[in-house]
């Protein structure tokens, strides 16, 4: 029997599990897999944190209650500084 540490989880797998965790779609086995990887690997914890941060930002920018801008005035929409001046 070997006590060798298993290789790190594939980044795509970890990101997929993190996304599913945030969406509430993990089953018990998947949750255990994610928890074990987060306990085992500092790199996995960093990656998970980055996924969570990105999800929070996306919800703030695009979620309900996010500030919306009217870009229908084509003359103003071409002027980036004018758009910035509309920000409160």
C-alpha atoms as a PDB file:
ATOM      1  CA  UNK A   1       0.000   0.000   0.000  1.00  0.00           C
ATOM      2  CA  UNK A   2       1.266   3.460  -0.868  1.00  0.00           C
ATOM      3  CA  UNK A   3       0.844   6.597   1.227  1.00  0.00           C
ATOM      4  CA  UNK A   4       1.586   8.783  -1.785  1.00  0.00           C
ATOM      5  CA  UNK A   5      -0.421  11.964  -2.082  1.00  0.00           C
ATOM      6  CA  UNK A   6      -2.815  11.868  -5.021  1.00  0.00           C
ATOM      7  CA  UNK A   7      -2.106  14.299  -7.839  1.00  0.00           C
ATOM      8  CA  UNK A   8      -3.846  17.672  -7.734  1.00  0.00           C
ATOM      9  CA  UNK A   9      -7.340  17.823  -9.153  1.00  0.00           C
ATOM     10  CA  UNK A  10      -7.599  18.994 -12.736  1.00  0.00           C
ATOM     11  CA  UNK A  11      -8.360  22.758 -12.742  1.00  0.00           C
ATOM     12  CA  UNK A  12     -11.363  22.325 -15.054  1.00  0.00           C
ATOM     13  CA  UNK A  13     -12.825  19.719 -12.690  1.00  0.00           C
ATOM     14  CA  UNK A  14     -12.269  21.972  -9.678  1.00  0.00           C
ATOM     15  CA  UNK A  15     -13.846  24.985 -11.395  1.00  0.00           C
ATOM     16  CA  UNK A  16     -16.803  22.850 -12.486  1.00  0.00           C
ATOM     17  CA  UNK A  17     -17.340  21.621  -8.939  1.00  0.00           C
ATOM     18  CA  UNK A  18     -17.022  25.170  -7.591  1.00  0.00           C
ATOM     19  CA  UNK A  19     -19.567  26.469 -10.098  1.00  0.00           C
ATOM     20  CA  UNK A  20     -21.944  23.633  -9.253  1.00  0.00           C
ATOM     21  CA  UNK A  21     -21.449  24.309  -5.537  1.00  0.00           C
ATOM     22  CA  UNK A  22     -22.378  27.968  -6.004  1.00  0.00           C
ATOM     23  CA  UNK A  23     -25.452  26.944  -8.010  1.00  0.00           C
ATOM     24  CA  UNK A  24     -26.489  24.381  -5.367  1.00  0.00           C
ATOM     25  CA  UNK A  25     -26.202  21.449  -7.780  1.00  0.00           C
ATOM     26  CA  UNK A  26     -23.630  19.212  -6.056  1.00  0.00           C
ATOM     27  CA  UNK A  27     -24.657  15.763  -4.885  1.00  0.00           C
ATOM     28  CA  UNK A  28     -23.133  14.271  -1.745  1.00  0.00           C
ATOM     29  CA  UNK A  29     -20.236  12.557  -3.532  1.00  0.00           C
ATOM     30  CA  UNK A  30     -19.330  15.699  -5.461  1.00  0.00           C
ATOM     31  CA  UNK A  31     -19.473  17.823  -2.316  1.00  0.00           C
ATOM     32  CA  UNK A  32     -17.186  15.368  -0.524  1.00  0.00           C
ATOM     33  CA  UNK A  33     -14.800  15.434  -3.494  1.00  0.00           C
ATOM     34  CA  UNK A  34     -14.681  19.245  -3.443  1.00  0.00           C
ATOM     35  CA  UNK A  35     -14.275  19.418   0.340  1.00  0.00           C
ATOM     36  CA  UNK A  36     -11.449  16.867   0.299  1.00  0.00           C
ATOM     37  CA  UNK A  37      -9.601  18.750  -2.414  1.00  0.00           C
ATOM     38  CA  UNK A  38     -10.003  22.070  -0.586  1.00  0.00           C
ATOM     39  CA  UNK A  39      -8.674  20.520   2.639  1.00  0.00           C
ATOM     40  CA  UNK A  40      -5.741  18.962   0.833  1.00  0.00           C
ATOM     41  CA  UNK A  41      -4.545  21.706  -1.473  1.00  0.00           C
ATOM     42  CA  UNK A  42      -3.748  25.368  -0.934  1.00  0.00           C
ATOM     43  CA  UNK A  43      -3.790  25.839  -4.715  1.00  0.00           C
ATOM     44  CA  UNK A  44      -7.315  24.400  -4.849  1.00  0.00           C
ATOM     45  CA  UNK A  45      -8.435  26.756  -2.087  1.00  0.00           C
ATOM     46  CA  UNK A  46      -6.989  29.710  -3.995  1.00  0.00           C
ATOM     47  CA  UNK A  47      -8.724  28.621  -7.206  1.00  0.00           C
ATOM     48  CA  UNK A  48     -12.028  28.099  -5.365  1.00  0.00           C
ATOM     49  CA  UNK A  49     -11.741  31.560  -3.798  1.00  0.00           C
ATOM     50  CA  UNK A  50     -11.139  33.104  -7.232  1.00  0.00           C
ATOM     51  CA  UNK A  51     -14.234  31.372  -8.633  1.00  0.00           C
ATOM     52  CA  UNK A  52     -16.314  32.648  -5.701  1.00  0.00           C
ATOM     53  CA  UNK A  53     -14.980  36.202  -6.099  1.00  0.00           C
ATOM     54  CA  UNK A  54     -15.739  36.163  -9.811  1.00  0.00           C
ATOM     55  CA  UNK A  55     -19.273  34.906  -9.160  1.00  0.00           C
ATOM     56  CA  UNK A  56     -19.878  37.701  -6.653  1.00  0.00           C
ATOM     57  CA  UNK A  57     -18.660  40.353  -9.083  1.00  0.00           C
ATOM     58  CA  UNK A  58     -20.768  38.927 -11.905  1.00  0.00           C
ATOM     59  CA  UNK A  59     -23.873  38.996  -9.704  1.00  0.00           C
ATOM     60  CA  UNK A  60     -23.169  42.579  -8.657  1.00  0.00           C
ATOM     61  CA  UNK A  61     -22.673  43.713 -12.247  1.00  0.00           C
ATOM     62  CA  UNK A  62     -25.327  41.671 -14.032  1.00  0.00           C
ATOM     63  CA  UNK A  63     -27.727  40.521 -11.331  1.00  0.00           C
ATOM     64  CA  UNK A  64     -31.037  41.985 -10.241  1.00  0.00           C
ATOM     65  CA  UNK A  65     -30.639  45.524  -9.000  1.00  0.00           C
ATOM     66  CA  UNK A  66     -27.488  46.176 -10.991  1.00  0.00           C
ATOM     67  CA  UNK A  67     -27.262  49.682 -12.409  1.00  0.00           C
ATOM     68  CA  UNK A  68     -28.317  49.753 -16.047  1.00  0.00           C
ATOM     69  CA  UNK A  69     -27.256  52.299 -18.630  1.00  0.00           C
ATOM     70  CA  UNK A  70     -29.219  53.545 -21.594  1.00  0.00           C
ATOM     71  CA  UNK A  71     -26.977  53.321 -24.639  1.00  0.00           C
ATOM     72  CA  UNK A  72     -29.664  54.292 -27.143  1.00  0.00           C
ATOM     73  CA  UNK A  73     -28.136  57.726 -27.813  1.00  0.00           C
ATOM     74  CA  UNK A  74     -25.508  56.663 -30.359  1.00  0.00           C
ATOM     75  CA  UNK A  75     -23.740  60.024 -30.300  1.00  0.00           C
ATOM     76  CA  UNK A  76     -23.082  59.708 -26.584  1.00  0.00           C
ATOM     77  CA  UNK A  77     -22.390  55.966 -26.618  1.00  0.00           C
ATOM     78  CA  UNK A  78     -19.377  56.610 -28.851  1.00  0.00           C
ATOM     79  CA  UNK A  79     -17.891  58.911 -26.235  1.00  0.00           C
ATOM     80  CA  UNK A  80     -16.409  56.792 -23.465  1.00  0.00           C
ATOM     81  CA  UNK A  81     -15.777  59.797 -21.211  1.00  0.00           C
ATOM     82  CA  UNK A  82     -19.406  60.873 -21.546  1.00  0.00           C
ATOM     83  CA  UNK A  83     -20.481  57.393 -20.439  1.00  0.00           C
ATOM     84  CA  UNK A  84     -18.186  57.599 -17.442  1.00  0.00           C
ATOM     85  CA  UNK A  85     -19.597  60.995 -16.493  1.00  0.00           C
ATOM     86  CA  UNK A  86     -23.044  59.350 -16.206  1.00  0.00           C
ATOM     87  CA  UNK A  87     -21.794  57.136 -13.363  1.00  0.00           C
ATOM     88  CA  UNK A  88     -22.810  58.286  -9.914  1.00  0.00           C
END
